[in-house]
Protein backbone atom coordinates (compact mmCIF):
# COMPACT_ATOMS: atom_id res chain seq x y z
CA MET A 1 49.81 8.44 14.29
CA HIS A 2 51.66 10.74 11.93
CA GLN A 3 53.33 14.06 12.74
CA GLN A 4 52.99 16.50 9.84
CA ASN A 5 56.16 18.58 10.37
CA PRO A 6 58.62 16.75 12.64
CA SER A 7 62.01 18.29 13.45
CA ILE A 8 63.62 14.83 13.17
CA GLY A 9 63.17 11.89 10.80
CA ARG A 10 60.10 9.94 11.96
CA PRO A 11 58.35 7.05 10.22
CA PRO A 12 55.21 7.89 8.21
CA LYS A 13 53.14 5.70 10.58
CA GLU A 14 53.80 5.01 14.28
CA LEU A 15 51.86 2.37 16.22
CA LYS A 16 50.66 3.96 19.46
CA GLY A 17 48.05 1.43 20.58
CA PHE A 18 46.22 -1.68 19.47
CA SER A 19 43.68 -4.25 20.56
CA LYS A 20 43.24 -7.76 19.23
CA VAL A 21 39.54 -8.60 18.89
CA ALA A 22 37.91 -11.70 17.40
CA VAL A 23 35.01 -10.81 15.10
CA ALA A 24 32.86 -13.40 13.33
CA ALA A 25 31.72 -12.88 9.74
CA GLY A 26 28.90 -10.33 9.67
CA GLU A 27 29.53 -9.29 13.27
CA SER A 28 30.67 -5.87 14.42
CA LYS A 29 32.25 -4.72 17.66
CA THR A 30 33.22 -1.41 19.19
CA VAL A 31 36.79 -1.24 20.44
CA GLU A 32 38.22 1.51 22.63
CA ILE A 33 41.93 2.28 22.55
CA VAL A 34 43.14 4.81 25.10
CA LEU A 35 46.20 6.87 24.21
CA GLU A 36 48.08 8.80 26.87
CA ILE A 37 48.34 12.40 25.70
CA ARG A 38 51.83 12.62 27.22
CA HIS A 39 53.26 9.77 25.14
CA ALA A 40 51.08 9.55 22.03
CA PRO A 41 52.82 12.34 20.06
CA SER A 42 56.18 11.97 21.84
CA PHE A 43 59.49 10.45 20.89
CA TRP A 44 62.46 9.51 23.09
CA ASP A 45 65.43 11.83 22.71
CA GLU A 46 68.62 10.00 23.73
CA MET A 47 70.65 13.23 23.92
CA GLU A 48 68.14 14.83 26.31
CA ASN A 49 67.33 11.50 28.02
CA ALA A 50 63.67 12.52 27.98
CA TRP A 51 60.38 12.24 26.11
CA ILE A 52 59.97 15.09 23.62
CA SER A 53 56.58 16.27 22.37
CA GLU A 54 56.64 18.90 19.65
CA LYS A 55 53.88 21.42 19.02
CA ASP A 56 52.53 20.41 15.61
CA THR A 57 49.56 18.88 13.82
CA TYR A 58 49.17 15.11 14.18
CA ASP A 59 47.02 12.72 12.14
CA VAL A 60 45.46 9.77 13.93
CA LEU A 61 45.30 6.80 11.55
CA VAL A 62 42.79 4.04 12.26
CA GLY A 63 42.54 0.79 10.34
CA PRO A 64 43.31 -2.92 10.14
CA HIS A 65 47.06 -2.32 9.60
C-alpha cells in the first residue's frame, strides 16, 4: 500500500498482508488477502499513542514482491 500525500515520512511501499502459496509450473491459484480497513491505511503515532488514519488517496500494490 502507498499513501499519495502523507503528513509524515512513510516508505514508498508498506506490506499490509501476504499469503504464501505453492504453485506448480503452469498452475494458477486464486488467493484472498483480507485487509482490515481500520489498520490498512493507518500508522502508529507514538506521541498520540494511537493508530492514525489520514484522509487521502491510497494505492494498493499487488505483486510477487
